[in-house]
Amino acid sequence: MIRIKAVRPRRPQQPRVAGLRVAAAQLPADRGARVGGDLYDVVATAHGVRVVMGDVRGHGTSAVAAAAALLDGFRAAVHDEPDLGRVLSRLERALARHLGERARHEHPVAEEFATVLLLEIDGDGAVRGLNCGHPWPYLLSETSVAPLTSADPLPPLGVFPLPCDPPLVSAGRLAPGETLVLYTDGAEDARDAHGRFFPLRSTLTTALRTSPAQILHTVLNSLTHHTPGTPTDDIALLLLRNDRPAPTKRPR
């Protein structure tokens, strides 16, 4: 069996961002590659902690370039735009510019699109999101693993134009001690030698009450043993634990 080697994102991710503990890794499908067509980042802004997770169709150099364009677009917009919908619009334009530039050099350009998830986490843990065709994260409490929300996502970026005012999803609250697990669909789509999908949710259940780094290690180790050889799709995982102190109750 060929062991899968996890690699780090395009720039080192801080272990803590505004009171959230962070752990992340990528598993590129192309053997020997340091990055794939998945992207993620966590940034503290005046509008709250903003998070992006995305997955460009396919893998290889073209997917890596498109992922880089989206990530650059996120970093350029995340501090300037008070509205999360405008951040998403900036990502849509960044992808369109990238594909337009490629079209001038490649004949023909393969159809390309990306799933993108944007989250905004307030100081009190309130979570809002915009989702273009991406899996919603799992929310890990002390006793359970469940999807953050069941809201229907928008189509992936590049398939149809975004609506003028994309509906912001109120996704509850990330309480102190709880963890969000963001991932690309390569994680749940990874198959073993018998064609069985990787049981991400049940694997997360075995790692409850451990740190984000330990949860990440458990998932990566399980993926390594589940998948015979390198994965057929890029995989990215991003974990956010709310390490902020619980609010104190005022005496009546």
C-alpha atoms as a PDB file:
ATOM      1  CA  MET A   1       0.000   0.000   0.000  1.00  0.00           C
ATOM      2  CA  ILE A   2       1.282   3.483  -0.883  1.00  0.00           C
ATOM      3  CA  ARG A   3       1.076   5.791   2.103  1.00  0.00           C
ATOM      4  CA  ILE A   4      -0.690   9.094   1.609  1.00  0.00           C
ATOM      5  CA  LYS A   5       1.300  12.133   2.690  1.00  0.00           C
ATOM      6  CA  ALA A   6      -0.605  15.154   3.914  1.00  0.00           C
ATOM      7  CA  VAL A   7       0.735  18.554   2.936  1.00  0.00           C
ATOM      8  CA  ARG A   8       0.140  22.005   4.320  1.00  0.00           C
ATOM      9  CA  PRO A   9      -1.786  24.862   2.670  1.00  0.00           C
ATOM     10  CA  ARG A  10      -0.163  27.443   0.399  1.00  0.00           C
ATOM     11  CA  ARG A  11       0.857  29.532   3.390  1.00  0.00           C
ATOM     12  CA  PRO A  12       1.286  28.254   6.974  1.00  0.00           C
ATOM     13  CA  GLN A  13      -2.017  28.454   8.814  1.00  0.00           C
ATOM     14  CA  GLN A  14      -1.870  30.015  12.274  1.00  0.00           C
ATOM     15  CA  PRO A  15      -2.737  27.555  15.059  1.00  0.00           C
ATOM     16  CA  ARG A  16      -5.152  30.115  16.537  1.00  0.00           C
ATOM     17  CA  VAL A  17      -7.186  32.841  14.870  1.00  0.00           C
ATOM     18  CA  ALA A  18      -9.195  35.187  17.114  1.00  0.00           C
ATOM     19  CA  GLY A  19      -9.796  32.520  19.741  1.00  0.00           C
ATOM     20  CA  LEU A  20     -10.429  29.675  17.276  1.00  0.00           C
ATOM     21  CA  ARG A  21      -7.951  26.803  17.261  1.00  0.00           C
ATOM     22  CA  VAL A  22      -7.120  25.744  13.698  1.00  0.00           C
ATOM     23  CA  ALA A  23      -5.819  22.504  12.170  1.00  0.00           C
ATOM     24  CA  ALA A  24      -5.680  21.756   8.444  1.00  0.00           C
ATOM     25  CA  ALA A  25      -4.141  19.497   5.798  1.00  0.00           C
ATOM     26  CA  GLN A  26      -4.386  18.657   2.098  1.00  0.00           C
ATOM     27  CA  LEU A  27      -4.012  15.322   0.304  1.00  0.00           C
ATOM     28  CA  PRO A  28      -3.354  16.079  -3.396  1.00  0.00           C
ATOM     29  CA  ALA A  29      -4.420  13.422  -5.878  1.00  0.00           C
ATOM     30  CA  ASP A  30      -1.308  14.013  -8.008  1.00  0.00           C
ATOM     31  CA  ARG A  31       1.515  12.018  -6.479  1.00  0.00           C
ATOM     32  CA  GLY A  32       4.387  14.256  -5.434  1.00  0.00           C
ATOM     33  CA  ALA A  33       2.362  17.485  -5.621  1.00  0.00           C
ATOM     34  CA  ARG A  34       2.456  19.851  -2.667  1.00  0.00           C
ATOM     35  CA  VAL A  35      -0.960  21.394  -3.358  1.00  0.00           C
ATOM     36  CA  GLY A  36      -4.058  20.407  -5.275  1.00  0.00           C
ATOM     37  CA  GLY A  37      -7.219  22.005  -6.573  1.00  0.00           C
ATOM     38  CA  ASP A  38      -8.650  22.523  -3.090  1.00  0.00           C
ATOM     39  CA  LEU A  39      -8.330  25.778  -1.162  1.00  0.00           C
ATOM     40  CA  TYR A  40      -8.989  27.091   2.310  1.00  0.00           C
ATOM     41  CA  ASP A  41      -8.106  29.980   4.588  1.00  0.00           C
ATOM     42  CA  VAL A  42      -9.144  31.509   7.918  1.00  0.00           C
ATOM     43  CA  VAL A  43      -8.843  35.275   8.436  1.00  0.00           C
ATOM     44  CA  ALA A  44      -9.758  37.487  11.396  1.00  0.00           C
ATOM     45  CA  THR A  45     -11.429  40.680  10.152  1.00  0.00           C
ATOM     46  CA  ALA A  46     -13.418  43.580  11.538  1.00  0.00           C
ATOM     47  CA  HIS A  47     -16.519  41.699  10.325  1.00  0.00           C
ATOM     48  CA  GLY A  48     -15.720  38.509  12.263  1.00  0.00           C
ATOM     49  CA  VAL A  49     -13.585  35.476  11.463  1.00  0.00           C
ATOM     50  CA  ARG A  50     -14.101  34.640   7.809  1.00  0.00           C
ATOM     51  CA  VAL A  51     -13.432  31.212   6.363  1.00  0.00           C
ATOM     52  CA  VAL A  52     -13.256  29.878   2.824  1.00  0.00           C
ATOM     53  CA  MET A  53     -13.188  26.266   1.667  1.00  0.00           C
ATOM     54  CA  GLY A  54     -13.310  25.439  -2.022  1.00  0.00           C
ATOM     55  CA  ASP A  55     -12.830  22.653  -4.534  1.00  0.00           C
ATOM     56  CA  VAL A  56     -12.010  23.252  -8.191  1.00  0.00           C
ATOM     57  CA  ARG A  57     -13.250  20.633 -10.663  1.00  0.00           C
ATOM     58  CA  GLY A  58     -10.571  18.076 -11.505  1.00  0.00           C
ATOM     59  CA  HIS A  59      -6.970  18.154 -10.352  1.00  0.00           C
ATOM     60  CA  GLY A  60      -3.539  18.904 -11.731  1.00  0.00           C
ATOM     61  CA  THR A  61      -1.950  22.201 -12.747  1.00  0.00           C
ATOM     62  CA  SER A  62      -5.099  23.811 -14.177  1.00  0.00           C
ATOM     63  CA  ALA A  63      -7.067  23.120 -10.985  1.00  0.00           C
ATOM     64  CA  VAL A  64      -4.185  24.411  -8.856  1.00  0.00           C
ATOM     65  CA  ALA A  65      -4.098  27.674 -10.845  1.00  0.00           C
ATOM     66  CA  ALA A  66      -7.868  28.178 -10.525  1.00  0.00           C
ATOM     67  CA  ALA A  67      -7.717  27.452  -6.784  1.00  0.00           C
ATOM     68  CA  ALA A  68      -4.940  30.028  -6.406  1.00  0.00           C
ATOM     69  CA  ALA A  69      -7.037  32.631  -8.255  1.00  0.00           C
ATOM     70  CA  LEU A  70      -9.982  32.012  -5.909  1.00  0.00           C
ATOM     71  CA  LEU A  71      -7.785  32.148  -2.830  1.00  0.00           C
ATOM     72  CA  ASP A  72      -6.212  35.416  -3.983  1.00  0.00           C
ATOM     73  CA  GLY A  73      -9.699  36.811  -4.590  1.00  0.00           C
ATOM     74  CA  PHE A  74     -10.783  35.857  -1.078  1.00  0.00           C
ATOM     75  CA  ARG A  75      -7.757  37.452   0.534  1.00  0.00           C
ATOM     76  CA  ALA A  76      -8.230  40.624  -1.488  1.00  0.00           C
ATOM     77  CA  ALA A  77     -11.907  40.990  -0.526  1.00  0.00           C
ATOM     78  CA  VAL A  78     -12.231  39.573   2.952  1.00  0.00           C
ATOM     79  CA  HIS A  79     -11.213  42.729   4.860  1.00  0.00           C
ATOM     80  CA  ASP A  80     -12.787  45.263   2.515  1.00  0.00           C
ATOM     81  CA  GLU A  81     -16.296  43.878   2.036  1.00  0.00           C
ATOM     82  CA  PRO A  82     -18.636  44.146   5.048  1.00  0.00           C
ATOM     83  CA  ASP A  83     -21.196  41.930   3.298  1.00  0.00           C
ATOM     84  CA  LEU A  84     -20.338  38.242   2.824  1.00  0.00           C
ATOM     85  CA  GLY A  85     -22.350  38.177  -0.400  1.00  0.00           C
ATOM     86  CA  ARG A  86     -20.013  40.761  -1.900  1.00  0.00           C
ATOM     87  CA  VAL A  87     -17.039  38.597  -0.930  1.00  0.00           C
ATOM     88  CA  LEU A  88     -18.638  35.738  -2.845  1.00  0.00           C
ATOM     89  CA  SER A  89     -19.226  38.008  -5.844  1.00  0.00           C
ATOM     90  CA  ARG A  90     -15.553  38.960  -5.801  1.00  0.00           C
ATOM     91  CA  LEU A  91     -14.632  35.258  -5.889  1.00  0.00           C
ATOM     92  CA  GLU A  92     -16.966  34.726  -8.832  1.00  0.00           C
ATOM     93  CA  ARG A  93     -15.267  37.552 -10.713  1.00  0.00           C
ATOM     94  CA  ALA A  94     -11.803  36.263  -9.793  1.00  0.00           C
ATOM     95  CA  LEU A  95     -12.639  32.845 -11.243  1.00  0.00           C
ATOM     96  CA  ALA A  96     -14.136  34.407 -14.388  1.00  0.00           C
ATOM     97  CA  ARG A  97     -11.014  36.543 -14.934  1.00  0.00           C
ATOM     98  CA  HIS A  98      -8.774  33.517 -14.502  1.00  0.00           C
ATOM     99  CA  LEU A  99     -10.771  31.401 -16.935  1.00  0.00           C
ATOM    100  CA  GLY A 100     -10.890  34.271 -19.412  1.00  0.00           C
ATOM    101  CA  GLU A 101      -7.127  34.601 -19.294  1.00  0.00           C
ATOM    102  CA  ARG A 102      -6.697  30.870 -19.796  1.00  0.00           C
ATOM    103  CA  ALA A 103      -9.058  30.945 -22.769  1.00  0.00           C
ATOM    104  CA  ARG A 104      -6.693  33.342 -24.518  1.00  0.00           C
ATOM    105  CA  HIS A 105      -3.877  30.798 -24.265  1.00  0.00           C
ATOM    106  CA  GLU A 106      -5.612  27.413 -24.431  1.00  0.00           C
ATOM    107  CA  HIS A 107      -7.776  26.106 -27.278  1.00  0.00           C
ATOM    108  CA  PRO A 108     -10.124  24.769 -26.131  1.00  0.00           C
ATOM    109  CA  VAL A 109     -10.424  25.351 -22.366  1.00  0.00           C
ATOM    110  CA  ALA A 110     -12.044  22.481 -20.506  1.00  0.00           C
ATOM    111  CA  GLU A 111     -15.237  23.299 -18.621  1.00  0.00           C
ATOM    112  CA  GLU A 112     -14.217  24.386 -15.154  1.00  0.00           C
ATOM    113  CA  PHE A 113     -16.163  25.317 -12.052  1.00  0.00           C
ATOM    114  CA  ALA A 114     -15.616  25.324  -8.308  1.00  0.00           C
ATOM    115  CA  THR A 115     -17.609  24.613  -5.197  1.00  0.00           C
ATOM    116  CA  VAL A 116     -17.098  27.303  -2.571  1.00  0.00           C
ATOM    117  CA  LEU A 117     -18.159  27.617   1.060  1.00  0.00           C
ATOM    118  CA  LEU A 118     -17.875  30.937   2.914  1.00  0.00           C
ATOM    119  CA  LEU A 119     -18.436  31.176   6.664  1.00  0.00           C
ATOM    120  CA  GLU A 120     -18.474  34.159   9.001  1.00  0.00           C
ATOM    121  CA  ILE A 121     -18.127  33.543  12.758  1.00  0.00           C
ATOM    122  CA  ASP A 122     -18.929  36.381  15.158  1.00  0.00           C
ATOM    123  CA  GLY A 123     -17.347  36.983  18.530  1.00  0.00           C
ATOM    124  CA  ASP A 124     -20.327  35.285  20.220  1.00  0.00           C
ATOM    125  CA  GLY A 125     -19.981  32.217  17.976  1.00  0.00           C
ATOM    126  CA  ALA A 126     -22.904  32.975  15.628  1.00  0.00           C
ATOM    127  CA  VAL A 127     -22.224  31.371  12.238  1.00  0.00           C
ATOM    128  CA  ARG A 128     -23.472  32.620   8.883  1.00  0.00           C
ATOM    129  CA  GLY A 129     -22.668  31.070   5.545  1.00  0.00           C
ATOM    130  CA  LEU A 130     -22.904  31.143   1.777  1.00  0.00           C
ATOM    131  CA  ASN A 131     -22.570  27.851  -0.006  1.00  0.00           C
ATOM    132  CA  CYS A 132     -22.045  27.242  -3.723  1.00  0.00           C
ATOM    133  CA  GLY A 133     -22.341  23.496  -4.206  1.00  0.00           C
ATOM    134  CA  HIS A 134     -20.027  22.524  -1.352  1.00  0.00           C
ATOM    135  CA  PRO A 135     -20.632  20.079   1.518  1.00  0.00           C
ATOM    136  CA  TRP A 136     -21.692  21.832   4.698  1.00  0.00           C
ATOM    137  CA  PRO A 137     -19.267  21.301   7.597  1.00  0.00           C
ATOM    138  CA  TYR A 138     -19.830  18.873  10.416  1.00  0.00           C
ATOM    139  CA  LEU A 139     -20.413  20.351  13.868  1.00  0.00           C
ATOM    140  CA  LEU A 140     -18.773  18.364  16.665  1.00  0.00           C
ATOM    141  CA  SER A 141     -20.092  18.772  20.191  1.00  0.00           C
ATOM    142  CA  GLU A 142     -19.071  16.721  23.219  1.00  0.00           C
ATOM    143  CA  THR A 143     -21.527  13.958  22.324  1.00  0.00           C
ATOM    144  CA  SER A 144     -22.479  14.188  18.648  1.00  0.00           C
ATOM    145  CA  VAL A 145     -21.475  14.830  15.050  1.00  0.00           C
ATOM    146  CA  ALA A 146     -24.056  16.485  12.796  1.00  0.00           C
ATOM    147  CA  PRO A 147     -24.133  18.661   9.679  1.00  0.00           C
ATOM    148  CA  LEU A 148     -23.976  22.352  10.554  1.00  0.00           C
ATOM    149  CA  THR A 149     -27.171  22.981   8.549  1.00  0.00           C
ATOM    150  CA  SER A 150     -29.369  21.293   5.958  1.00  0.00           C
ATOM    151  CA  ALA A 151     -29.900  24.446   3.873  1.00  0.00           C
ATOM    152  CA  ASP A 152     -29.821  23.898   0.122  1.00  0.00           C
ATOM    153  CA  PRO A 153     -26.635  25.261  -1.487  1.00  0.00           C
ATOM    154  CA  LEU A 154     -26.429  27.507  -4.533  1.00  0.00           C
ATOM    155  CA  PRO A 155     -24.950  26.043  -7.755  1.00  0.00           C
ATOM    156  CA  PRO A 156     -21.134  25.902  -7.970  1.00  0.00           C
ATOM    157  CA  LEU A 157     -19.312  29.002  -9.156  1.00  0.00           C
ATOM    158  CA  GLY A 158     -18.890  29.030 -12.920  1.00  0.00           C
ATOM    159  CA  VAL A 159     -22.033  27.022 -13.692  1.00  0.00           C
ATOM    160  CA  PHE A 160     -24.622  29.823 -13.478  1.00  0.00           C
ATOM    161  CA  PRO A 161     -24.295  33.502 -12.545  1.00  0.00           C
ATOM    162  CA  LEU A 162     -24.801  34.248  -8.864  1.00  0.00           C
ATOM    163  CA  PRO A 163     -28.111  35.816  -7.860  1.00  0.00           C
ATOM    164  CA  CYS A 164     -27.923  39.560  -7.251  1.00  0.00           C
ATOM    165  CA  ASP A 165     -28.477  39.067  -3.524  1.00  0.00           C
ATOM    166  CA  PRO A 166     -27.388  35.535  -2.533  1.00  0.00           C
ATOM    167  CA  PRO A 167     -29.317  34.344   0.546  1.00  0.00           C
ATOM    168  CA  LEU A 168     -27.137  34.360   3.660  1.00  0.00           C
ATOM    169  CA  VAL A 169     -27.732  31.239   5.756  1.00  0.00           C
ATOM    170  CA  SER A 170     -27.921  31.610   9.523  1.00  0.00           C
ATOM    171  CA  ALA A 171     -26.281  28.377  10.686  1.00  0.00           C
ATOM    172  CA  GLY A 172     -26.633  28.549  14.447  1.00  0.00           C
ATOM    173  CA  ARG A 173     -23.784  29.028  16.878  1.00  0.00           C
ATOM    174  CA  LEU A 174     -20.348  27.521  17.447  1.00  0.00           C
ATOM    175  CA  ALA A 175     -20.336  27.252  21.233  1.00  0.00           C
ATOM    176  CA  PRO A 176     -17.154  27.195  23.332  1.00  0.00           C
ATOM    177  CA  GLY A 177     -15.566  23.734  23.047  1.00  0.00           C
ATOM    178  CA  GLU A 178     -17.361  22.863  19.796  1.00  0.00           C
ATOM    179  CA  THR A 179     -15.559  22.149  16.525  1.00  0.00           C
ATOM    180  CA  LEU A 180     -16.384  22.708  12.873  1.00  0.00           C
ATOM    181  CA  VAL A 181     -14.952  20.234  10.369  1.00  0.00           C
ATOM    182  CA  LEU A 182     -14.832  21.637   6.841  1.00  0.00           C
ATOM    183  CA  TYR A 183     -13.857  19.259   4.059  1.00  0.00           C
ATOM    184  CA  THR A 184     -13.907  18.769   0.324  1.00  0.00           C
ATOM    185  CA  ASP A 185     -15.973  15.950  -1.160  1.00  0.00           C
ATOM    186  CA  GLY A 186     -12.838  13.926  -1.930  1.00  0.00           C
ATOM    187  CA  ALA A 187     -12.884  12.912   1.748  1.00  0.00           C
ATOM    188  CA  GLU A 188     -16.306  11.243   1.714  1.00  0.00           C
ATOM    189  CA  ASP A 189     -15.865   9.990  -1.866  1.00  0.00           C
ATOM    190  CA  ALA A 190     -12.593   8.142  -1.145  1.00  0.00           C
ATOM    191  CA  ARG A 191     -13.125   4.421  -1.749  1.00  0.00           C
ATOM    192  CA  ASP A 192     -11.437   1.323  -0.419  1.00  0.00           C
ATOM    193  CA  ALA A 193     -10.433  -1.722  -2.488  1.00  0.00           C
ATOM    194  CA  HIS A 194     -14.060  -2.953  -2.374  1.00  0.00           C
ATOM    195  CA  GLY A 195     -15.511   0.354  -3.589  1.00  0.00           C
ATOM    196  CA  ARG A 196     -16.859   1.429  -0.199  1.00  0.00           C
ATOM    197  CA  PHE A 197     -16.893   5.155   0.589  1.00  0.00           C
ATOM    198  CA  PHE A 198     -14.854   6.543   3.465  1.00  0.00           C
ATOM    199  CA  PRO A 199     -17.050   6.872   6.607  1.00  0.00           C
ATOM    200  CA  LEU A 200     -16.032  10.417   7.546  1.00  0.00           C
ATOM    201  CA  ARG A 201     -18.888  11.069   9.967  1.00  0.00           C
ATOM    202  CA  SER A 202     -18.399   7.873  11.960  1.00  0.00           C
ATOM    203  CA  THR A 203     -14.629   8.436  11.978  1.00  0.00           C
ATOM    204  CA  LEU A 204     -15.186  11.876  13.483  1.00  0.00           C
ATOM    205  CA  THR A 205     -17.426  10.305  16.108  1.00  0.00           C
ATOM    206  CA  THR A 206     -14.516   8.178  17.339  1.00  0.00           C
ATOM    207  CA  ALA A 207     -12.437  11.324  17.916  1.00  0.00           C
ATOM    208  CA  LEU A 208     -14.897  13.387  19.961  1.00  0.00           C
ATOM    209  CA  ARG A 209     -13.453  15.204  22.996  1.00  0.00           C
ATOM    210  CA  THR A 210      -9.983  15.367  21.435  1.00  0.00           C
ATOM    211  CA  SER A 211      -8.104  18.379  20.068  1.00  0.00           C
ATOM    212  CA  PRO A 212      -8.426  19.527  16.440  1.00  0.00           C
ATOM    213  CA  ALA A 213      -4.902  18.280  15.743  1.00  0.00           C
ATOM    214  CA  GLN A 214      -5.801  14.856  17.153  1.00  0.00           C
ATOM    215  CA  ILE A 215      -9.062  14.749  15.196  1.00  0.00           C
ATOM    216  CA  LEU A 216      -7.140  15.623  12.034  1.00  0.00           C
ATOM    217  CA  HIS A 217      -4.582  12.894  12.758  1.00  0.00           C
ATOM    218  CA  THR A 218      -7.368  10.339  13.293  1.00  0.00           C
ATOM    219  CA  VAL A 219      -9.061  11.210   9.996  1.00  0.00           C
ATOM    220  CA  LEU A 220      -5.810  11.238   7.993  1.00  0.00           C
ATOM    221  CA  ASN A 221      -4.679   7.939   9.491  1.00  0.00           C
ATOM    222  CA  SER A 222      -8.063   6.358   8.745  1.00  0.00           C
ATOM    223  CA  LEU A 223      -7.996   7.693   5.175  1.00  0.00           C
ATOM    224  CA  THR A 224      -4.527   6.236   4.689  1.00  0.00           C
ATOM    225  CA  HIS A 225      -5.711   2.785   5.713  1.00  0.00           C
ATOM    226  CA  HIS A 226      -8.998   3.057   3.811  1.00  0.00           C
ATOM    227  CA  THR A 227      -7.631   4.127   0.417  1.00  0.00           C
ATOM    228  CA  PRO A 228      -5.374   1.770  -1.561  1.00  0.00           C
ATOM    229  CA  GLY A 229      -2.710   4.151  -2.890  1.00  0.00           C
ATOM    230  CA  THR A 230      -3.103   7.839  -3.620  1.00  0.00           C
ATOM    231  CA  PRO A 231      -6.624   9.317  -3.588  1.00  0.00           C
ATOM    232  CA  THR A 232      -8.394   9.757  -6.917  1.00  0.00           C
ATOM    233  CA  ASP A 233      -9.465  13.286  -5.955  1.00  0.00           C
ATOM    234  CA  ASP A 234      -7.849  16.073  -3.965  1.00  0.00           C
ATOM    235  CA  ILE A 235      -8.819  16.134  -0.288  1.00  0.00           C
ATOM    236  CA  ALA A 236      -8.713  19.075   2.101  1.00  0.00           C
ATOM    237  CA  LEU A 237      -9.676  19.212   5.768  1.00  0.00           C
ATOM    238  CA  LEU A 238      -9.992  22.291   7.980  1.00  0.00           C
ATOM    239  CA  LEU A 239     -10.936  22.164  11.659  1.00  0.00           C
ATOM    240  CA  LEU A 240     -11.983  25.126  13.814  1.00  0.00           C
ATOM    241  CA  ARG A 241     -12.430  24.734  17.587  1.00  0.00           C
ATOM    242  CA  ASN A 242     -13.995  27.546  19.598  1.00  0.00           C
ATOM    243  CA  ASP A 243     -11.477  28.027  22.411  1.00  0.00           C
ATOM    244  CA  ARG A 244     -12.995  31.298  23.563  1.00  0.00           C
ATOM    245  CA  PRO A 245     -14.057  31.370  27.218  1.00  0.00           C
ATOM    246  CA  ALA A 246     -17.719  30.737  27.874  1.00  0.00           C
ATOM    247  CA  PRO A 247     -19.622  33.938  28.655  1.00  0.00           C
ATOM    248  CA  THR A 248     -20.204  34.468  32.349  1.00  0.00           C
ATOM    249  CA  LYS A 249     -23.763  34.857  33.555  1.00  0.00           C
ATOM    250  CA  ARG A 250     -24.547  38.130  35.267  1.00  0.00           C
ATOM    251  CA  PRO A 251     -26.116  37.810  38.687  1.00  0.00           C
ATOM    252  CA  ARG A 252     -29.705  38.915  38.822  1.00  0.00           C
END
